[in-house]
Full PDB file with SEQRES, HELIX, SHEET, SSBOND, CRYST1, ORIGX, SCALE, CONECT and MASTER records, all heavy atoms in Angstrom:
SEQRES   1 A   45  ARG ARG THR LEU LYS HIS LEU VAL GLU GLU LYS TYR ARG          
SEQRES   2 A   45  SER GLY GLU ALA LEU VAL LYS MET LEU THR ASP THR ASP          
SEQRES   3 A   45  ASN PHE ARG GLY VAL LYS PHE SER ASP THR HIS PRO GLU          
SEQRES   4 A   45  VAL ALA LYS MET VAL GLY                                      
HELIX    1 AA1 ARG A    2  HIS A    6  1                                   5    
HELIX    2 AA2 GLU A   10  SER A   14  1                                   5    
HELIX    3 AA3 GLU A   16  ARG A   29  1                                  14    
HELIX    4 AA4 PHE A   33  THR A   36  1                                   4    
HELIX    5 AA5 PRO A   38  VAL A   44  1                                   7    
CRYST1    1.000    1.000    1.000  90.00  90.00  90.00 P 1           1          
ORIGX1      1.000000  0.000000  0.000000        0.00000                         
ORIGX2      0.000000  1.000000  0.000000        0.00000                         
ORIGX3      0.000000  0.000000  1.000000        0.00000                         
SCALE1      1.000000  0.000000  0.000000        0.00000                         
SCALE2      0.000000  1.000000  0.000000        0.00000                         
SCALE3      0.000000  0.000000  1.000000        0.00000                         
ATOM      1  N   ARG A   1      94.074 107.116  81.366  1.00  0.00           N  
ATOM      2  CA  ARG A   1      95.336 107.281  82.063  1.00  0.00           C  
ATOM      3  C   ARG A   1      95.904 108.752  81.857  1.00  0.00           C  
ATOM      4  O   ARG A   1      96.404 109.297  82.849  1.00  0.00           O  
ATOM      5  CB  ARG A   1      96.411 106.287  81.545  1.00  0.00           C  
ATOM      6  CG  ARG A   1      97.701 106.337  82.250  1.00  0.00           C  
ATOM      7  CD  ARG A   1      98.808 105.505  81.607  1.00  0.00           C  
ATOM      8  NE  ARG A   1      98.434 104.118  81.382  1.00  0.00           N  
ATOM      9  CZ  ARG A   1      98.730 103.125  82.249  1.00  0.00           C  
ATOM     10  NH1 ARG A   1      99.393 103.430  83.385  1.00  0.00           N  
ATOM     11  NH2 ARG A   1      98.425 101.902  82.065  1.00  0.00           N  
ATOM     12  N   ARG A   2      95.756 109.249  80.696  1.00  0.00           N  
ATOM     13  CA  ARG A   2      96.230 110.555  80.413  1.00  0.00           C  
ATOM     14  C   ARG A   2      95.333 111.609  80.992  1.00  0.00           C  
ATOM     15  O   ARG A   2      95.790 112.618  81.568  1.00  0.00           O  
ATOM     16  CB  ARG A   2      96.426 110.787  78.897  1.00  0.00           C  
ATOM     17  CG  ARG A   2      97.454 109.951  78.287  1.00  0.00           C  
ATOM     18  CD  ARG A   2      97.737 110.246  76.804  1.00  0.00           C  
ATOM     19  NE  ARG A   2      96.622 109.982  75.892  1.00  0.00           N  
ATOM     20  CZ  ARG A   2      96.491 108.778  75.350  1.00  0.00           C  
ATOM     21  NH1 ARG A   2      97.505 107.831  75.608  1.00  0.00           N  
ATOM     22  NH2 ARG A   2      95.598 108.532  74.531  1.00  0.00           N  
ATOM     23  N   THR A   3      93.956 111.516  80.754  1.00  0.00           N  
ATOM     24  CA  THR A   3      93.061 112.482  81.172  1.00  0.00           C  
ATOM     25  C   THR A   3      92.897 112.586  82.700  1.00  0.00           C  
ATOM     26  O   THR A   3      92.615 113.577  83.330  1.00  0.00           O  
ATOM     27  CB  THR A   3      91.643 112.333  80.520  1.00  0.00           C  
ATOM     28  OG1 THR A   3      91.133 111.046  80.864  1.00  0.00           O  
ATOM     29  CG2 THR A   3      91.752 112.451  79.062  1.00  0.00           C  
ATOM     30  N   LEU A   4      92.998 111.394  83.395  1.00  0.00           N  
ATOM     31  CA  LEU A   4      92.872 111.349  84.753  1.00  0.00           C  
ATOM     32  C   LEU A   4      93.879 112.283  85.555  1.00  0.00           C  
ATOM     33  O   LEU A   4      93.460 112.854  86.527  1.00  0.00           O  
ATOM     34  CB  LEU A   4      93.021 109.910  85.296  1.00  0.00           C  
ATOM     35  CG  LEU A   4      91.788 109.000  85.228  1.00  0.00           C  
ATOM     36  CD1 LEU A   4      92.226 107.543  85.444  1.00  0.00           C  
ATOM     37  CD2 LEU A   4      90.575 109.271  86.046  1.00  0.00           C  
ATOM     38  N   LYS A   5      94.997 112.396  84.939  1.00  0.00           N  
ATOM     39  CA  LYS A   5      96.099 113.215  85.616  1.00  0.00           C  
ATOM     40  C   LYS A   5      95.642 114.674  85.638  1.00  0.00           C  
ATOM     41  O   LYS A   5      96.095 115.348  86.596  1.00  0.00           O  
ATOM     42  CB  LYS A   5      97.387 113.057  84.945  1.00  0.00           C  
ATOM     43  CG  LYS A   5      98.021 111.663  85.012  1.00  0.00           C  
ATOM     44  CD  LYS A   5      99.239 111.579  84.323  1.00  0.00           C  
ATOM     45  CE  LYS A   5      99.897 110.126  84.326  1.00  0.00           C  
ATOM     46  NZ  LYS A   5     101.228 110.051  83.704  1.00  0.00           N  
ATOM     47  N   HIS A   6      94.922 115.073  84.657  1.00  0.00           N  
ATOM     48  CA  HIS A   6      94.696 116.580  84.490  1.00  0.00           C  
ATOM     49  C   HIS A   6      93.262 117.040  84.556  1.00  0.00           C  
ATOM     50  O   HIS A   6      93.038 118.077  85.138  1.00  0.00           O  
ATOM     51  CB  HIS A   6      95.349 117.012  83.294  1.00  0.00           C  
ATOM     52  CG  HIS A   6      96.768 116.629  82.962  1.00  0.00           C  
ATOM     53  ND1 HIS A   6      97.766 117.135  83.703  1.00  0.00           N  
ATOM     54  CD2 HIS A   6      97.267 115.753  82.132  1.00  0.00           C  
ATOM     55  CE1 HIS A   6      98.939 116.550  83.360  1.00  0.00           C  
ATOM     56  NE2 HIS A   6      98.582 115.669  82.392  1.00  0.00           N  
ATOM     57  N   LEU A   7      92.374 116.266  84.040  1.00  0.00           N  
ATOM     58  CA  LEU A   7      90.952 116.714  83.847  1.00  0.00           C  
ATOM     59  C   LEU A   7      89.921 116.109  84.775  1.00  0.00           C  
ATOM     60  O   LEU A   7      88.876 116.718  85.031  1.00  0.00           O  
ATOM     61  CB  LEU A   7      90.607 116.494  82.357  1.00  0.00           C  
ATOM     62  CG  LEU A   7      91.471 117.004  81.314  1.00  0.00           C  
ATOM     63  CD1 LEU A   7      90.994 116.572  79.983  1.00  0.00           C  
ATOM     64  CD2 LEU A   7      91.480 118.505  81.369  1.00  0.00           C  
ATOM     65  N   VAL A   8      90.247 114.948  85.372  1.00  0.00           N  
ATOM     66  CA  VAL A   8      89.252 114.287  86.131  1.00  0.00           C  
ATOM     67  C   VAL A   8      89.465 114.590  87.584  1.00  0.00           C  
ATOM     68  O   VAL A   8      90.563 114.650  88.155  1.00  0.00           O  
ATOM     69  CB  VAL A   8      89.348 112.831  85.886  1.00  0.00           C  
ATOM     70  CG1 VAL A   8      88.324 112.004  86.766  1.00  0.00           C  
ATOM     71  CG2 VAL A   8      88.998 112.438  84.456  1.00  0.00           C  
ATOM     72  N   GLU A   9      88.371 114.935  88.337  1.00  0.00           N  
ATOM     73  CA  GLU A   9      88.457 115.130  89.790  1.00  0.00           C  
ATOM     74  C   GLU A   9      89.076 114.015  90.533  1.00  0.00           C  
ATOM     75  O   GLU A   9      88.936 112.843  90.257  1.00  0.00           O  
ATOM     76  CB  GLU A   9      87.050 115.424  90.283  1.00  0.00           C  
ATOM     77  CG  GLU A   9      86.412 116.628  89.597  1.00  0.00           C  
ATOM     78  CD  GLU A   9      84.911 116.752  90.114  1.00  0.00           C  
ATOM     79  OE1 GLU A   9      84.744 116.873  91.398  1.00  0.00           O  
ATOM     80  OE2 GLU A   9      83.973 116.874  89.280  1.00  0.00           O  
ATOM     81  N   GLU A  10      89.668 114.368  91.715  1.00  0.00           N  
ATOM     82  CA  GLU A  10      90.403 113.409  92.509  1.00  0.00           C  
ATOM     83  C   GLU A  10      89.489 112.310  93.050  1.00  0.00           C  
ATOM     84  O   GLU A  10      89.835 111.213  93.111  1.00  0.00           O  
ATOM     85  CB  GLU A  10      90.985 114.219  93.682  1.00  0.00           C  
ATOM     86  CG  GLU A  10      91.701 113.167  94.761  1.00  0.00           C  
ATOM     87  CD  GLU A  10      92.763 112.400  94.242  1.00  0.00           C  
ATOM     88  OE1 GLU A  10      93.399 112.795  93.129  1.00  0.00           O  
ATOM     89  OE2 GLU A  10      92.989 111.376  94.795  1.00  0.00           O  
ATOM     90  N   LYS A  11      88.163 112.689  93.156  1.00  0.00           N  
ATOM     91  CA  LYS A  11      87.215 111.735  93.769  1.00  0.00           C  
ATOM     92  C   LYS A  11      87.073 110.525  92.758  1.00  0.00           C  
ATOM     93  O   LYS A  11      86.765 109.407  93.193  1.00  0.00           O  
ATOM     94  CB  LYS A  11      85.919 112.367  94.095  1.00  0.00           C  
ATOM     95  CG  LYS A  11      85.160 112.874  92.892  1.00  0.00           C  
ATOM     96  CD  LYS A  11      83.746 113.399  93.231  1.00  0.00           C  
ATOM     97  CE  LYS A  11      82.955 113.967  92.044  1.00  0.00           C  
ATOM     98  NZ  LYS A  11      81.652 114.473  92.467  1.00  0.00           N  
ATOM     99  N   TYR A  12      87.281 110.790  91.455  1.00  0.00           N  
ATOM    100  CA  TYR A  12      87.192 109.664  90.516  1.00  0.00           C  
ATOM    101  C   TYR A  12      88.566 108.944  90.394  1.00  0.00           C  
ATOM    102  O   TYR A  12      88.660 107.687  90.377  1.00  0.00           O  
ATOM    103  CB  TYR A  12      86.833 110.227  89.032  1.00  0.00           C  
ATOM    104  CG  TYR A  12      85.433 110.823  89.000  1.00  0.00           C  
ATOM    105  CD1 TYR A  12      85.187 112.138  88.858  1.00  0.00           C  
ATOM    106  CD2 TYR A  12      84.305 109.946  89.183  1.00  0.00           C  
ATOM    107  CE1 TYR A  12      84.004 112.782  88.821  1.00  0.00           C  
ATOM    108  CE2 TYR A  12      83.028 110.454  89.084  1.00  0.00           C  
ATOM    109  CZ  TYR A  12      82.919 111.960  88.893  1.00  0.00           C  
ATOM    110  OH  TYR A  12      81.695 112.461  88.855  1.00  0.00           O  
ATOM    111  N   ARG A  13      89.600 109.659  90.354  1.00  0.00           N  
ATOM    112  CA  ARG A  13      90.957 109.152  90.346  1.00  0.00           C  
ATOM    113  C   ARG A  13      91.234 108.086  91.527  1.00  0.00           C  
ATOM    114  O   ARG A  13      91.764 107.030  91.347  1.00  0.00           O  
ATOM    115  CB  ARG A  13      92.107 110.119  90.340  1.00  0.00           C  
ATOM    116  CG  ARG A  13      92.132 110.989  89.044  1.00  0.00           C  
ATOM    117  CD  ARG A  13      93.529 111.632  88.956  1.00  0.00           C  
ATOM    118  NE  ARG A  13      93.696 112.602  90.098  1.00  0.00           N  
ATOM    119  CZ  ARG A  13      93.390 113.949  89.976  1.00  0.00           C  
ATOM    120  NH1 ARG A  13      92.929 114.479  88.937  1.00  0.00           N  
ATOM    121  NH2 ARG A  13      93.676 114.650  91.106  1.00  0.00           N  
ATOM    122  N   SER A  14      90.701 108.522  92.671  1.00  0.00           N  
ATOM    123  CA  SER A  14      91.110 107.721  93.807  1.00  0.00           C  
ATOM    124  C   SER A  14      90.086 106.584  93.949  1.00  0.00           C  
ATOM    125  O   SER A  14      90.392 105.586  94.802  1.00  0.00           O  
ATOM    126  CB  SER A  14      90.943 108.663  95.044  1.00  0.00           C  
ATOM    127  OG  SER A  14      89.606 109.074  95.255  1.00  0.00           O  
ATOM    128  N   GLY A  15      88.914 106.647  93.304  1.00  0.00           N  
ATOM    129  CA  GLY A  15      87.916 105.625  93.521  1.00  0.00           C  
ATOM    130  C   GLY A  15      86.973 106.000  94.569  1.00  0.00           C  
ATOM    131  O   GLY A  15      85.964 105.298  94.901  1.00  0.00           O  
ATOM    132  N   GLU A  16      87.175 107.168  95.257  1.00  0.00           N  
ATOM    133  CA  GLU A  16      86.280 107.583  96.367  1.00  0.00           C  
ATOM    134  C   GLU A  16      84.766 107.672  95.931  1.00  0.00           C  
ATOM    135  O   GLU A  16      83.927 107.390  96.572  1.00  0.00           O  
ATOM    136  CB  GLU A  16      86.800 109.009  96.868  1.00  0.00           C  
ATOM    137  CG  GLU A  16      85.778 109.696  97.915  1.00  0.00           C  
ATOM    138  CD  GLU A  16      86.268 111.066  98.227  1.00  0.00           C  
ATOM    139  OE1 GLU A  16      87.325 111.475  97.814  1.00  0.00           O  
ATOM    140  OE2 GLU A  16      85.404 111.773  98.905  1.00  0.00           O  
ATOM    141  N   ALA A  17      84.565 108.380  94.643  1.00  0.00           N  
ATOM    142  CA  ALA A  17      83.185 108.527  94.209  1.00  0.00           C  
ATOM    143  C   ALA A  17      82.477 107.236  93.991  1.00  0.00           C  
ATOM    144  O   ALA A  17      81.262 106.942  94.344  1.00  0.00           O  
ATOM    145  CB  ALA A  17      83.155 109.365  93.028  1.00  0.00           C  
ATOM    146  N   LEU A  18      83.284 106.260  93.444  1.00  0.00           N  
ATOM    147  CA  LEU A  18      82.652 104.913  93.079  1.00  0.00           C  
ATOM    148  C   LEU A  18      82.383 104.159  94.443  1.00  0.00           C  
ATOM    149  O   LEU A  18      81.266 103.615  94.479  1.00  0.00           O  
ATOM    150  CB  LEU A  18      83.761 104.068  92.299  1.00  0.00           C  
ATOM    151  CG  LEU A  18      83.303 102.609  92.086  1.00  0.00           C  
ATOM    152  CD1 LEU A  18      82.146 102.529  91.165  1.00  0.00           C  
ATOM    153  CD2 LEU A  18      84.550 101.872  91.439  1.00  0.00           C  
ATOM    154  N   VAL A  19      83.329 104.217  95.363  1.00  0.00           N  
ATOM    155  CA  VAL A  19      83.105 103.500  96.649  1.00  0.00           C  
ATOM    156  C   VAL A  19      81.931 104.048  97.353  1.00  0.00           C  
ATOM    157  O   VAL A  19      81.154 103.241  97.915  1.00  0.00           O  
ATOM    158  CB  VAL A  19      84.398 103.592  97.482  1.00  0.00           C  
ATOM    159  CG1 VAL A  19      84.154 103.003  98.868  1.00  0.00           C  
ATOM    160  CG2 VAL A  19      85.492 102.750  96.821  1.00  0.00           C  
ATOM    161  N   LYS A  20      81.734 105.364  97.389  1.00  0.00           N  
ATOM    162  CA  LYS A  20      80.636 105.979  98.041  1.00  0.00           C  
ATOM    163  C   LYS A  20      79.374 105.511  97.402  1.00  0.00           C  
ATOM    164  O   LYS A  20      78.387 105.082  98.128  1.00  0.00           O  
ATOM    165  CB  LYS A  20      80.772 107.500  98.012  1.00  0.00           C  
ATOM    166  CG  LYS A  20      79.593 108.198  98.792  1.00  0.00           C  
ATOM    167  CD  LYS A  20      79.711 109.678  98.767  1.00  0.00           C  
ATOM    168  CE  LYS A  20      78.672 110.371  99.667  1.00  0.00           C  
ATOM    169  NZ  LYS A  20      77.340 109.860  99.600  1.00  0.00           N  
ATOM    170  N   MET A  21      79.246 105.535  96.164  1.00  0.00           N  
ATOM    171  CA  MET A  21      78.083 105.084  95.396  1.00  0.00           C  
ATOM    172  C   MET A  21      77.834 103.617  95.776  1.00  0.00           C  
ATOM    173  O   MET A  21      76.549 103.227  96.001  1.00  0.00           O  
ATOM    174  CB  MET A  21      78.236 105.280  93.924  1.00  0.00           C  
ATOM    175  CG  MET A  21      76.989 104.708  93.135  1.00  0.00           C  
ATOM    176  SD  MET A  21      77.018 105.142  91.417  1.00  0.00           S  
ATOM    177  CE  MET A  21      76.194 106.845  91.506  1.00  0.00           C  
ATOM    178  N   LEU A  22      78.740 102.811  95.749  1.00  0.00           N  
ATOM    179  CA  LEU A  22      78.500 101.358  96.022  1.00  0.00           C  
ATOM    180  C   LEU A  22      78.146 101.152  97.455  1.00  0.00           C  
ATOM    181  O   LEU A  22      77.160 100.374  97.820  1.00  0.00           O  
ATOM    182  CB  LEU A  22      79.832 100.613  95.636  1.00  0.00           C  
ATOM    183  CG  LEU A  22      80.307 100.445  94.284  1.00  0.00           C  
ATOM    184  CD1 LEU A  22      81.660  99.882  94.148  1.00  0.00           C  
ATOM    185  CD2 LEU A  22      79.299  99.603  93.429  1.00  0.00           C  
ATOM    186  N   THR A  23      78.804 101.744  98.360  1.00  0.00           N  
ATOM    187  CA  THR A  23      78.519 101.499  99.795  1.00  0.00           C  
ATOM    188  C   THR A  23      77.280 102.085 100.303  1.00  0.00           C  
ATOM    189  O   THR A  23      76.581 101.493 101.155  1.00  0.00           O  
ATOM    190  CB  THR A  23      79.681 101.940 100.753  1.00  0.00           C  
ATOM    191  OG1 THR A  23      79.873 103.411 100.460  1.00  0.00           O  
ATOM    192  CG2 THR A  23      80.840 101.283 100.481  1.00  0.00           C  
ATOM    193  N   ASP A  24      76.846 103.176  99.771  1.00  0.00           N  
ATOM    194  CA  ASP A  24      75.503 103.700 100.109  1.00  0.00           C  
ATOM    195  C   ASP A  24      74.401 102.766  99.827  1.00  0.00           C  
ATOM    196  O   ASP A  24      73.489 102.526 100.599  1.00  0.00           O  
ATOM    197  CB  ASP A  24      75.316 104.986  99.360  1.00  0.00           C  
ATOM    198  CG  ASP A  24      76.019 106.257  99.919  1.00  0.00           C  
ATOM    199  OD1 ASP A  24      76.682 106.045 101.011  1.00  0.00           O  
ATOM    200  OD2 ASP A  24      76.005 107.435  99.378  1.00  0.00           O  
ATOM    201  N   THR A  25      74.492 102.186  98.557  1.00  0.00           N  
ATOM    202  CA  THR A  25      73.475 101.289  98.169  1.00  0.00           C  
ATOM    203  C   THR A  25      73.703  99.890  98.895  1.00  0.00           C  
ATOM    204  O   THR A  25      72.648  99.262  99.319  1.00  0.00           O  
ATOM    205  CB  THR A  25      73.547 101.050  96.623  1.00  0.00           C  
ATOM    206  OG1 THR A  25      73.331 102.343  95.924  1.00  0.00           O  
ATOM    207  CG2 THR A  25      72.311 100.127  96.275  1.00  0.00           C  
ATOM    208  N   ASP A  26      74.887  99.496  99.058  1.00  0.00           N  
ATOM    209  CA  ASP A  26      75.125  98.235  99.747  1.00  0.00           C  
ATOM    210  C   ASP A  26      74.577  98.215 101.175  1.00  0.00           C  
ATOM    211  O   ASP A  26      73.947  97.221 101.641  1.00  0.00           O  
ATOM    212  CB  ASP A  26      76.578  97.835  99.776  1.00  0.00           C  
ATOM    213  CG  ASP A  26      77.172  97.350  98.433  1.00  0.00           C  
ATOM    214  OD1 ASP A  26      76.340  97.198  97.527  1.00  0.00           O  
ATOM    215  OD2 ASP A  26      78.377  97.129  98.474  1.00  0.00           O  
ATOM    216  N   ASN A  27      74.817  99.334 101.883  1.00  0.00           N  
ATOM    217  CA  ASN A  27      74.325  99.388 103.267  1.00  0.00           C  
ATOM    218  C   ASN A  27      72.826  99.286 103.277  1.00  0.00           C  
ATOM    219  O   ASN A  27      72.313  98.658 104.210  1.00  0.00           O  
ATOM    220  CB  ASN A  27      74.774 100.726 103.924  1.00  0.00           C  
ATOM    221  CG  ASN A  27      76.361 100.807 104.132  1.00  0.00           C  
ATOM    222  OD1 ASN A  27      76.995  99.676 104.159  1.00  0.00           O  
ATOM    223  ND2 ASN A  27      76.905 101.930 104.256  1.00  0.00           N  
ATOM    224  N   PHE A  28      72.167  99.915 102.419  1.00  0.00           N  
ATOM    225  CA  PHE A  28      70.679  99.924 102.430  1.00  0.00           C  
ATOM    226  C   PHE A  28      70.210  98.449 102.067  1.00  0.00           C  
ATOM    227  O   PHE A  28      69.229  97.962 102.674  1.00  0.00           O  
ATOM    228  CB  PHE A  28      70.109 100.874 101.536  1.00  0.00           C  
ATOM    229  CG  PHE A  28      68.594 100.993 101.589  1.00  0.00           C  
ATOM    230  CD1 PHE A  28      68.137 101.777 102.684  1.00  0.00           C  
ATOM    231  CD2 PHE A  28      67.733 100.446 100.706  1.00  0.00           C  
ATOM    232  CE1 PHE A  28      66.651 101.947 102.729  1.00  0.00           C  
ATOM    233  CE2 PHE A  28      66.378 100.599 100.822  1.00  0.00           C  
ATOM    234  CZ  PHE A  28      65.863 101.377 101.847  1.00  0.00           C  
ATOM    235  N   ARG A  29      70.836  97.817 101.101  1.00  0.00           N  
ATOM    236  CA  ARG A  29      70.399  96.489 100.669  1.00  0.00           C  
ATOM    237  C   ARG A  29      70.907  95.365 101.472  1.00  0.00           C  
ATOM    238  O   ARG A  29      70.505  94.248 101.287  1.00  0.00           O  
ATOM    239  CB  ARG A  29      70.780  96.277  99.129  1.00  0.00           C  
ATOM    240  CG  ARG A  29      70.090  97.267  98.177  1.00  0.00           C  
ATOM    241  CD  ARG A  29      70.502  96.949  96.762  1.00  0.00           C  
ATOM    242  NE  ARG A  29      69.816  97.955  95.915  1.00  0.00           N  
ATOM    243  CZ  ARG A  29      70.059  98.027  94.501  1.00  0.00           C  
ATOM    244  NH1 ARG A  29      70.937  97.170  93.981  1.00  0.00           N  
ATOM    245  NH2 ARG A  29      69.437  98.983  93.853  1.00  0.00           N  
ATOM    246  N   GLY A  30      71.923  95.610 102.322  1.00  0.00           N  
ATOM    247  CA  GLY A  30      72.489  94.562 103.097  1.00  0.00           C  
ATOM    248  C   GLY A  30      73.379  93.615 102.352  1.00  0.00           C  
ATOM    249  O   GLY A  30      73.327  92.347 102.605  1.00  0.00           O  
ATOM    250  N   VAL A  31      74.108  94.123 101.363  1.00  0.00           N  
ATOM    251  CA  VAL A  31      75.018  93.297 100.475  1.00  0.00           C  
ATOM    252  C   VAL A  31      76.357  93.931 100.611  1.00  0.00           C  
ATOM    253  O   VAL A  31      76.597  95.040 101.096  1.00  0.00           O  
ATOM    254  CB  VAL A  31      74.509  93.080  99.164  1.00  0.00           C  
ATOM    255  CG1 VAL A  31      73.255  92.371  99.063  1.00  0.00           C  
ATOM    256  CG2 VAL A  31      74.386  94.488  98.427  1.00  0.00           C  
ATOM    257  N   LYS A  32      77.347  93.307 100.005  1.00  0.00           N  
ATOM    258  CA  LYS A  32      78.806  93.801  99.964  1.00  0.00           C  
ATOM    259  C   LYS A  32      79.317  93.548  98.610  1.00  0.00           C  
ATOM    260  O   LYS A  32      79.326  92.353  98.074  1.00  0.00           O  
ATOM    261  CB  LYS A  32      79.666  93.083 101.108  1.00  0.00           C  
ATOM    262  CG  LYS A  32      79.251  93.473 102.404  1.00  0.00           C  
ATOM    263  CD  LYS A  32      80.078  92.737 103.507  1.00  0.00           C  
ATOM    264  CE  LYS A  32      81.495  93.166 103.344  1.00  0.00           C  
ATOM    265  NZ  LYS A  32      82.349  92.531 104.548  1.00  0.00           N  
ATOM    266  N   PHE A  33      79.837  94.558  98.009  1.00  0.00           N  
ATOM    267  CA  PHE A  33      80.440  94.453  96.671  1.00  0.00           C  
ATOM    268  C   PHE A  33      81.703  93.573  96.759  1.00  0.00           C  
ATOM    269  O   PHE A  33      81.925  92.724  95.734  1.00  0.00           O  
ATOM    270  CB  PHE A  33      80.972  95.810  96.217  1.00  0.00           C  
ATOM    271  CG  PHE A  33      81.615  95.977  94.894  1.00  0.00           C  
ATOM    272  CD1 PHE A  33      80.860  95.699  93.759  1.00  0.00           C  
ATOM    273  CD2 PHE A  33      82.928  96.397  94.802  1.00  0.00           C  
ATOM    274  CE1 PHE A  33      81.596  95.757  92.467  1.00  0.00           C  
ATOM    275  CE2 PHE A  33      83.589  96.495  93.565  1.00  0.00           C  
ATOM    276  CZ  PHE A  33      82.869  96.162  92.494  1.00  0.00           C  
ATOM    277  N   SER A  34      82.404  93.544  97.813  1.00  0.00           N  
ATOM    278  CA  SER A  34      83.561  92.658  97.959  1.00  0.00           C  
ATOM    279  C   SER A  34      83.272  91.168  98.003  1.00  0.00           C  
ATOM    280  O   SER A  34      84.137  90.396  97.715  1.00  0.00           O  
ATOM    281  CB  SER A  34      84.351  93.133  99.242  1.00  0.00           C  
ATOM    282  OG  SER A  34      83.509  93.022 100.340  1.00  0.00           O  
ATOM    283  N   ASP A  35      81.945  90.811  98.329  1.00  0.00           N  
ATOM    284  CA  ASP A  35      81.625  89.461  98.374  1.00  0.00           C  
ATOM    285  C   ASP A  35      81.513  88.839  96.903  1.00  0.00           C  
ATOM    286  O   ASP A  35      81.789  87.664  96.743  1.00  0.00           O  
ATOM    287  CB  ASP A  35      80.311  89.234  99.037  1.00  0.00           C  
ATOM    288  CG  ASP A  35      80.348  89.428 100.538  1.00  0.00           C  
ATOM    289  OD1 ASP A  35      81.545  89.366 101.058  1.00  0.00           O  
ATOM    290  OD2 ASP A  35      79.276  89.509 101.109  1.00  0.00           O  
ATOM    291  N   THR A  36      81.093  89.684  95.993  1.00  0.00           N  
ATOM    292  CA  THR A  36      80.905  89.192  94.569  1.00  0.00           C  
ATOM    293  C   THR A  36      82.086  89.644  93.682  1.00  0.00           C  
ATOM    294  O   THR A  36      82.395  89.010  92.601  1.00  0.00           O  
ATOM    295  CB  THR A  36      79.666  89.667  94.048  1.00  0.00           C  
ATOM    296  OG1 THR A  36      79.491  91.112  94.212  1.00  0.00           O  
ATOM    297  CG2 THR A  36      78.496  88.988  94.771  1.00  0.00           C  
ATOM    298  N   HIS A  37      82.613  90.859  93.850  1.00  0.00           N  
ATOM    299  CA  HIS A  37      83.714  91.366  93.056  1.00  0.00           C  
ATOM    300  C   HIS A  37      84.912  91.710  93.772  1.00  0.00           C  
ATOM    301  O   HIS A  37      85.417  92.785  93.839  1.00  0.00           O  
ATOM    302  CB  HIS A  37      83.165  92.744  92.431  1.00  0.00           C  
ATOM    303  CG  HIS A  37      81.986  92.643  91.622  1.00  0.00           C  
ATOM    304  ND1 HIS A  37      80.757  92.196  92.123  1.00  0.00           N  
ATOM    305  CD2 HIS A  37      81.756  92.909  90.179  1.00  0.00           C  
ATOM    306  CE1 HIS A  37      79.783  92.278  91.178  1.00  0.00           C  
ATOM    307  NE2 HIS A  37      80.403  92.640  90.025  1.00  0.00           N  
ATOM    308  N   PRO A  38      85.571  90.627  94.439  1.00  0.00           N  
ATOM    309  CA  PRO A  38      86.676  90.916  95.337  1.00  0.00           C  
ATOM    310  C   PRO A  38      87.821  91.589  94.752  1.00  0.00           C  
ATOM    311  O   PRO A  38      88.471  92.551  95.450  1.00  0.00           O  
ATOM    312  CB  PRO A  38      87.007  89.474  95.942  1.00  0.00           C  
ATOM    313  CG  PRO A  38      86.435  88.531  94.937  1.00  0.00           C  
ATOM    314  CD  PRO A  38      85.277  89.194  94.276  1.00  0.00           C  
ATOM    315  N   GLU A  39      88.239  91.272  93.588  1.00  0.00           N  
ATOM    316  CA  GLU A  39      89.344  91.831  92.934  1.00  0.00           C  
ATOM    317  C   GLU A  39      89.242  93.373  92.751  1.00  0.00           C  
ATOM    318  O   GLU A  39      90.154  94.163  92.997  1.00  0.00           O  
ATOM    319  CB  GLU A  39      89.762  91.131  91.618  1.00  0.00           C  
ATOM    320  CG  GLU A  39      90.005  89.690  91.714  1.00  0.00           C  
ATOM    321  CD  GLU A  39      88.680  88.832  91.609  1.00  0.00           C  
ATOM    322  OE1 GLU A  39      87.648  89.402  91.626  1.00  0.00           O  
ATOM    323  OE2 GLU A  39      88.797  87.558  91.550  1.00  0.00           O  
ATOM    324  N   VAL A  40      88.088  93.725  92.276  1.00  0.00           N  
ATOM    325  CA  VAL A  40      87.831  95.011  91.889  1.00  0.00           C  
ATOM    326  C   VAL A  40      87.654  95.878  93.226  1.00  0.00           C  
ATOM    327  O   VAL A  40      88.080  97.099  93.360  1.00  0.00           O  
ATOM    328  CB  VAL A  40      86.570  95.278  91.004  1.00  0.00           C  
ATOM    329  CG1 VAL A  40      86.299  96.812  90.709  1.00  0.00           C  
ATOM    330  CG2 VAL A  40      86.896  94.567  89.658  1.00  0.00           C  
ATOM    331  N   ALA A  41      86.985  95.230  94.181  1.00  0.00           N  
ATOM    332  CA  ALA A  41      86.822  95.849  95.447  1.00  0.00           C  
ATOM    333  C   ALA A  41      88.187  96.273  96.057  1.00  0.00           C  
ATOM    334  O   ALA A  41      88.266  97.377  96.580  1.00  0.00           O  
ATOM    335  CB  ALA A  41      86.036  95.007  96.352  1.00  0.00           C  
ATOM    336  N   LYS A  42      89.057  95.365  96.048  1.00  0.00           N  
ATOM    337  CA  LYS A  42      90.398  95.630  96.578  1.00  0.00           C  
ATOM    338  C   LYS A  42      91.083  96.702  95.957  1.00  0.00           C  
ATOM    339  O   LYS A  42      91.700  97.705  96.551  1.00  0.00           O  
ATOM    340  CB  LYS A  42      91.242  94.404  96.542  1.00  0.00           C  
ATOM    341  CG  LYS A  42      92.639  94.563  97.218  1.00  0.00           C  
ATOM    342  CD  LYS A  42      93.334  93.255  97.215  1.00  0.00           C  
ATOM    343  CE  LYS A  42      94.752  93.364  97.956  1.00  0.00           C  
ATOM    344  NZ  LYS A  42      95.460  92.054  97.949  1.00  0.00           N  
ATOM    345  N   MET A  43      91.051  96.790  94.494  1.00  0.00           N  
ATOM    346  CA  MET A  43      91.729  97.800  93.795  1.00  0.00           C  
ATOM    347  C   MET A  43      91.096  99.204  94.030  1.00  0.00           C  
ATOM    348  O   MET A  43      91.907 100.242  94.027  1.00  0.00           O  
ATOM    349  CB  MET A  43      91.678  97.429  92.329  1.00  0.00           C  
ATOM    350  CG  MET A  43      92.644  96.355  91.863  1.00  0.00           C  
ATOM    351  SD  MET A  43      92.589  96.080  90.068  1.00  0.00           S  
ATOM    352  CE  MET A  43      91.123  95.029  89.851  1.00  0.00           C  
ATOM    353  N   VAL A  44      89.811  99.339  94.179  1.00  0.00           N  
ATOM    354  CA  VAL A  44      89.231 100.704  94.234  1.00  0.00           C  
ATOM    355  C   VAL A  44      89.153 101.102  95.796  1.00  0.00           C  
ATOM    356  O   VAL A  44      88.629 102.242  95.956  1.00  0.00           O  
ATOM    357  CB  VAL A  44      87.828 100.648  93.681  1.00  0.00           C  
ATOM    358  CG1 VAL A  44      87.953 100.323  92.159  1.00  0.00           C  
ATOM    359  CG2 VAL A  44      86.810  99.819  94.378  1.00  0.00           C  
ATOM    360  N   GLY A  45      89.609 100.249  96.669  1.00  0.00           N  
ATOM    361  CA  GLY A  45      89.535 100.678  98.021  1.00  0.00           C  
ATOM    362  C   GLY A  45      88.280 100.500  98.754  1.00  0.00           C  
ATOM    363  O   GLY A  45      87.898 101.208  99.767  1.00  0.00           O  
TER     364      GLY A  45                                                      
MASTER        0    0    0    5    0    0    0    6  363    1    0    4          
END                                                                             
């Protein structure tokens, strides 16, 4: 919570980097993170 404000890139703070990694693989495998992890999927966008 403290380091995110100052030291961590925006792509991590926003969840953008995580979502990109998930969706790139999901699209290739034909699955959806939101089907199995709906709560986390909603929180990270």
